[in-house]
């Protein structure tokens, strides 16, 4: 295996961990109802990315990685906005 595919897998696994951490943080800070649809989308993308990694499905790994990163960014933005509104 060359360096590039290994790095791609490592980035995908790191993003999965980041997504799981952000979901937990959102639930702890704002409750389970906060951004529920967005959190469900993130959970689905995490599962899809994990499945793609297990199947070595490079095309879907790329797609789900980009989609998951976008949704995590969106969740972070909503968390920041919610925090500033409550202070």
N, C-alpha and C. Protein backbone atom coordinates (compact mmCIF):
# COMPACT_ATOMS: atom_id res chain seq x y z
N UNK A 1 0.86 -1.18 0.00
CA UNK A 1 0.00 0.00 0.00
C UNK A 1 0.90 1.24 0.00
N UNK A 2 0.58 2.16 -0.86
CA UNK A 2 1.40 3.37 -0.94
C UNK A 2 1.00 4.34 0.17
N UNK A 3 1.78 5.39 0.31
CA UNK A 3 1.57 6.36 1.39
C UNK A 3 0.23 7.09 1.25
N UNK A 4 -0.14 7.45 0.02
CA UNK A 4 -1.37 8.23 -0.18
C UNK A 4 -2.63 7.50 0.29
N UNK A 5 -2.86 6.23 -0.09
CA UNK A 5 -4.07 5.56 0.43
C UNK A 5 -4.07 5.41 1.95
N UNK A 6 -2.90 5.20 2.54
CA UNK A 6 -2.82 5.09 4.00
C UNK A 6 -3.21 6.42 4.63
N UNK A 7 -2.72 7.52 4.07
CA UNK A 7 -3.07 8.84 4.60
C UNK A 7 -4.56 9.11 4.45
N UNK A 8 -5.12 8.69 3.33
CA UNK A 8 -6.56 8.88 3.10
C UNK A 8 -7.37 8.11 4.15
N UNK A 9 -6.96 6.89 4.43
CA UNK A 9 -7.66 6.10 5.45
C UNK A 9 -7.50 6.73 6.83
N UNK A 10 -6.31 7.20 7.14
CA UNK A 10 -6.08 7.84 8.44
C UNK A 10 -6.92 9.10 8.59
N UNK A 11 -7.00 9.90 7.53
CA UNK A 11 -7.83 11.12 7.58
C UNK A 11 -9.30 10.77 7.77
N UNK A 12 -9.76 9.73 7.08
CA UNK A 12 -11.16 9.33 7.21
C UNK A 12 -11.46 8.84 8.62
N UNK A 13 -10.56 8.04 9.18
CA UNK A 13 -10.76 7.56 10.54
C UNK A 13 -10.72 8.71 11.55
N UNK A 14 -9.83 9.66 11.34
CA UNK A 14 -9.75 10.82 12.22
C UNK A 14 -11.03 11.66 12.14
N UNK A 15 -11.58 11.79 10.93
CA UNK A 15 -12.82 12.55 10.78
C UNK A 15 -13.99 11.85 11.46
N UNK A 16 -14.01 10.53 11.39
CA UNK A 16 -15.05 9.77 12.10
C UNK A 16 -14.98 10.06 13.59
N UNK A 17 -13.78 10.01 14.15
CA UNK A 17 -13.61 10.31 15.58
C UNK A 17 -14.03 11.74 15.90
N UNK A 18 -13.64 12.67 15.04
CA UNK A 18 -14.03 14.06 15.25
C UNK A 18 -15.54 14.20 15.23
N UNK A 19 -16.19 13.55 14.29
CA UNK A 19 -17.65 13.61 14.21
C UNK A 19 -18.32 13.04 15.43
N UNK A 20 -17.82 11.91 15.92
CA UNK A 20 -18.39 11.30 17.12
C UNK A 20 -18.20 12.21 18.33
N UNK A 21 -17.03 12.84 18.43
CA UNK A 21 -16.78 13.76 19.54
C UNK A 21 -17.69 14.98 19.47
N UNK A 22 -17.89 15.51 18.27
CA UNK A 22 -18.75 16.68 18.12
C UNK A 22 -20.20 16.34 18.47
N UNK A 23 -20.65 15.16 18.09
CA UNK A 23 -22.01 14.74 18.44
C UNK A 23 -22.18 14.67 19.95
N UNK A 24 -21.20 14.09 20.63
CA UNK A 24 -21.27 13.99 22.09
C UNK A 24 -21.25 15.37 22.73
N UNK A 25 -20.38 16.23 22.22
CA UNK A 25 -20.26 17.57 22.78
C UNK A 25 -21.56 18.36 22.59
N UNK A 26 -22.15 18.25 21.41
CA UNK A 26 -23.41 18.95 21.14
C UNK A 26 -24.50 18.47 22.09
N UNK A 27 -24.57 17.16 22.31
CA UNK A 27 -25.58 16.61 23.20
C UNK A 27 -25.35 17.06 24.64
N UNK A 28 -24.09 17.06 25.06
CA UNK A 28 -23.77 17.48 26.43
C UNK A 28 -24.04 18.96 26.65
N UNK A 29 -23.66 19.77 25.70
CA UNK A 29 -23.77 21.22 25.86
C UNK A 29 -25.19 21.74 25.64
N UNK A 30 -25.90 21.14 24.69
CA UNK A 30 -27.17 21.72 24.27
C UNK A 30 -28.37 20.77 24.36
N UNK A 31 -28.15 19.53 24.70
CA UNK A 31 -29.25 18.57 24.83
C UNK A 31 -29.46 17.76 23.57
N UNK A 32 -30.18 16.67 23.72
CA UNK A 32 -30.37 15.72 22.62
C UNK A 32 -31.23 16.28 21.49
N UNK A 33 -32.03 17.29 21.76
CA UNK A 33 -32.90 17.84 20.73
C UNK A 33 -32.20 18.87 19.84
N UNK A 34 -31.02 19.35 20.28
CA UNK A 34 -30.30 20.36 19.53
C UNK A 34 -29.86 19.82 18.17
N UNK A 35 -30.21 20.52 17.10
CA UNK A 35 -29.81 20.18 15.73
C UNK A 35 -30.00 18.70 15.44
N UNK A 36 -31.15 18.19 15.82
CA UNK A 36 -31.41 16.75 15.74
C UNK A 36 -31.27 16.21 14.32
N UNK A 37 -31.84 16.88 13.33
CA UNK A 37 -31.73 16.40 11.95
C UNK A 37 -30.30 16.39 11.46
N UNK A 38 -29.57 17.43 11.79
CA UNK A 38 -28.16 17.52 11.40
C UNK A 38 -27.35 16.43 12.09
N UNK A 39 -27.63 16.21 13.37
CA UNK A 39 -26.90 15.17 14.09
C UNK A 39 -27.21 13.78 13.51
N UNK A 40 -28.44 13.56 13.10
CA UNK A 40 -28.79 12.28 12.47
C UNK A 40 -28.06 12.12 11.14
N UNK A 41 -27.94 13.20 10.38
CA UNK A 41 -27.20 13.14 9.12
C UNK A 41 -25.74 12.78 9.37
N UNK A 42 -25.16 13.36 10.39
CA UNK A 42 -23.77 13.07 10.73
C UNK A 42 -23.62 11.61 11.15
N UNK A 43 -24.54 11.11 11.96
CA UNK A 43 -24.48 9.71 12.37
C UNK A 43 -24.55 8.78 11.16
N UNK A 44 -25.43 9.10 10.23
CA UNK A 44 -25.57 8.28 9.02
C UNK A 44 -24.29 8.33 8.19
N UNK A 45 -23.72 9.51 8.01
CA UNK A 45 -22.49 9.63 7.24
C UNK A 45 -21.33 8.91 7.91
N UNK A 46 -21.28 8.94 9.22
CA UNK A 46 -20.23 8.20 9.94
C UNK A 46 -20.36 6.71 9.63
N UNK A 47 -21.58 6.18 9.72
CA UNK A 47 -21.79 4.75 9.42
C UNK A 47 -21.41 4.43 7.97
N UNK A 48 -21.82 5.29 7.05
CA UNK A 48 -21.52 5.06 5.64
C UNK A 48 -20.02 5.11 5.38
N UNK A 49 -19.34 6.05 6.00
CA UNK A 49 -17.89 6.15 5.83
C UNK A 49 -17.19 4.94 6.44
N UNK A 50 -17.65 4.50 7.60
CA UNK A 50 -17.07 3.30 8.22
C UNK A 50 -17.25 2.08 7.32
N UNK A 51 -18.44 1.92 6.76
CA UNK A 51 -18.71 0.79 5.86
C UNK A 51 -17.84 0.88 4.61
N UNK A 52 -17.69 2.06 4.07
CA UNK A 52 -16.85 2.24 2.88
C UNK A 52 -15.39 1.92 3.19
N UNK A 53 -14.93 2.29 4.37
CA UNK A 53 -13.57 1.96 4.77
C UNK A 53 -13.38 0.44 4.87
N UNK A 54 -14.36 -0.24 5.45
CA UNK A 54 -14.27 -1.70 5.58
C UNK A 54 -14.25 -2.38 4.22
N UNK A 55 -14.95 -1.80 3.26
CA UNK A 55 -15.04 -2.38 1.92
C UNK A 55 -13.96 -1.85 0.98
N UNK A 56 -13.12 -0.95 1.47
CA UNK A 56 -12.08 -0.30 0.64
C UNK A 56 -12.68 0.32 -0.61
N UNK A 57 -13.82 0.97 -0.44
CA UNK A 57 -14.56 1.60 -1.53
C UNK A 57 -14.10 3.06 -1.66
N UNK A 58 -13.03 3.26 -2.43
CA UNK A 58 -12.39 4.58 -2.51
C UNK A 58 -13.33 5.68 -2.97
N UNK A 59 -14.19 5.38 -3.92
CA UNK A 59 -15.09 6.41 -4.45
C UNK A 59 -16.02 6.92 -3.35
N UNK A 60 -16.63 6.00 -2.61
CA UNK A 60 -17.54 6.42 -1.56
C UNK A 60 -16.80 6.98 -0.35
N UNK A 61 -15.59 6.52 -0.09
CA UNK A 61 -14.79 7.10 1.00
C UNK A 61 -14.62 8.59 0.74
N UNK A 62 -14.23 8.94 -0.48
CA UNK A 62 -14.04 10.36 -0.83
C UNK A 62 -15.34 11.14 -0.67
N UNK A 63 -16.42 10.58 -1.20
CA UNK A 63 -17.71 11.27 -1.17
C UNK A 63 -18.19 11.47 0.26
N UNK A 64 -18.17 10.40 1.06
CA UNK A 64 -18.67 10.51 2.42
C UNK A 64 -17.76 11.37 3.28
N UNK A 65 -16.47 11.36 3.01
CA UNK A 65 -15.52 12.21 3.74
C UNK A 65 -15.89 13.69 3.55
N UNK A 66 -16.07 14.07 2.30
CA UNK A 66 -16.41 15.47 1.99
C UNK A 66 -17.76 15.84 2.61
N UNK A 67 -18.74 14.96 2.47
CA UNK A 67 -20.07 15.23 3.03
C UNK A 67 -20.03 15.33 4.55
N UNK A 68 -19.29 14.40 5.18
CA UNK A 68 -19.20 14.41 6.64
C UNK A 68 -18.48 15.67 7.13
N UNK A 69 -17.41 16.04 6.46
CA UNK A 69 -16.68 17.26 6.86
C UNK A 69 -17.61 18.47 6.79
N UNK A 70 -18.40 18.54 5.74
CA UNK A 70 -19.33 19.65 5.57
C UNK A 70 -20.36 19.69 6.70
N UNK A 71 -20.91 18.53 7.04
CA UNK A 71 -21.92 18.47 8.10
C UNK A 71 -21.33 18.78 9.47
N UNK A 72 -20.10 18.33 9.72
CA UNK A 72 -19.43 18.65 10.99
C UNK A 72 -19.21 20.15 11.08
N UNK A 73 -18.78 20.76 9.98
CA UNK A 73 -18.59 22.21 9.96
C UNK A 73 -19.90 22.93 10.24
N UNK A 74 -20.98 22.43 9.65
CA UNK A 74 -22.30 23.03 9.87
C UNK A 74 -22.71 22.91 11.34
N UNK A 75 -22.46 21.74 11.93
CA UNK A 75 -22.79 21.55 13.35
C UNK A 75 -21.97 22.49 14.22
N UNK A 76 -20.68 22.61 13.92
CA UNK A 76 -19.83 23.53 14.68
C UNK A 76 -20.36 24.96 14.60
N UNK A 77 -20.78 25.36 13.42
CA UNK A 77 -21.31 26.70 13.23
C UNK A 77 -22.58 26.90 14.06
N UNK A 78 -23.46 25.92 14.04
CA UNK A 78 -24.70 26.03 14.82
C UNK A 78 -24.40 26.07 16.32
N UNK A 79 -23.41 25.30 16.75
CA UNK A 79 -23.03 25.30 18.16
C UNK A 79 -22.48 26.67 18.57
N UNK A 80 -21.65 27.26 17.70
CA UNK A 80 -21.11 28.59 18.00
C UNK A 80 -22.22 29.63 18.06
N UNK A 81 -23.15 29.57 17.10
CA UNK A 81 -24.25 30.53 17.07
C UNK A 81 -25.12 30.38 18.30
N UNK A 82 -25.40 29.16 18.67
CA UNK A 82 -26.25 28.91 19.84
C UNK A 82 -25.56 29.40 21.11
N UNK A 83 -24.24 29.21 21.18
CA UNK A 83 -23.48 29.66 22.35
C UNK A 83 -23.50 31.18 22.47
N UNK A 84 -23.32 31.87 21.35
CA UNK A 84 -23.29 33.33 21.40
C UNK A 84 -24.66 33.92 21.71
N UNK A 85 -25.72 33.23 21.29
CA UNK A 85 -27.06 33.72 21.59
C UNK A 85 -27.42 33.57 23.06
N UNK A 86 -26.79 32.62 23.74
CA UNK A 86 -27.12 32.35 25.14
C UNK A 86 -26.20 33.06 26.11
N UNK A 87 -25.29 33.88 25.61
CA UNK A 87 -24.39 34.61 26.51
C UNK A 87 -24.59 36.09 26.39
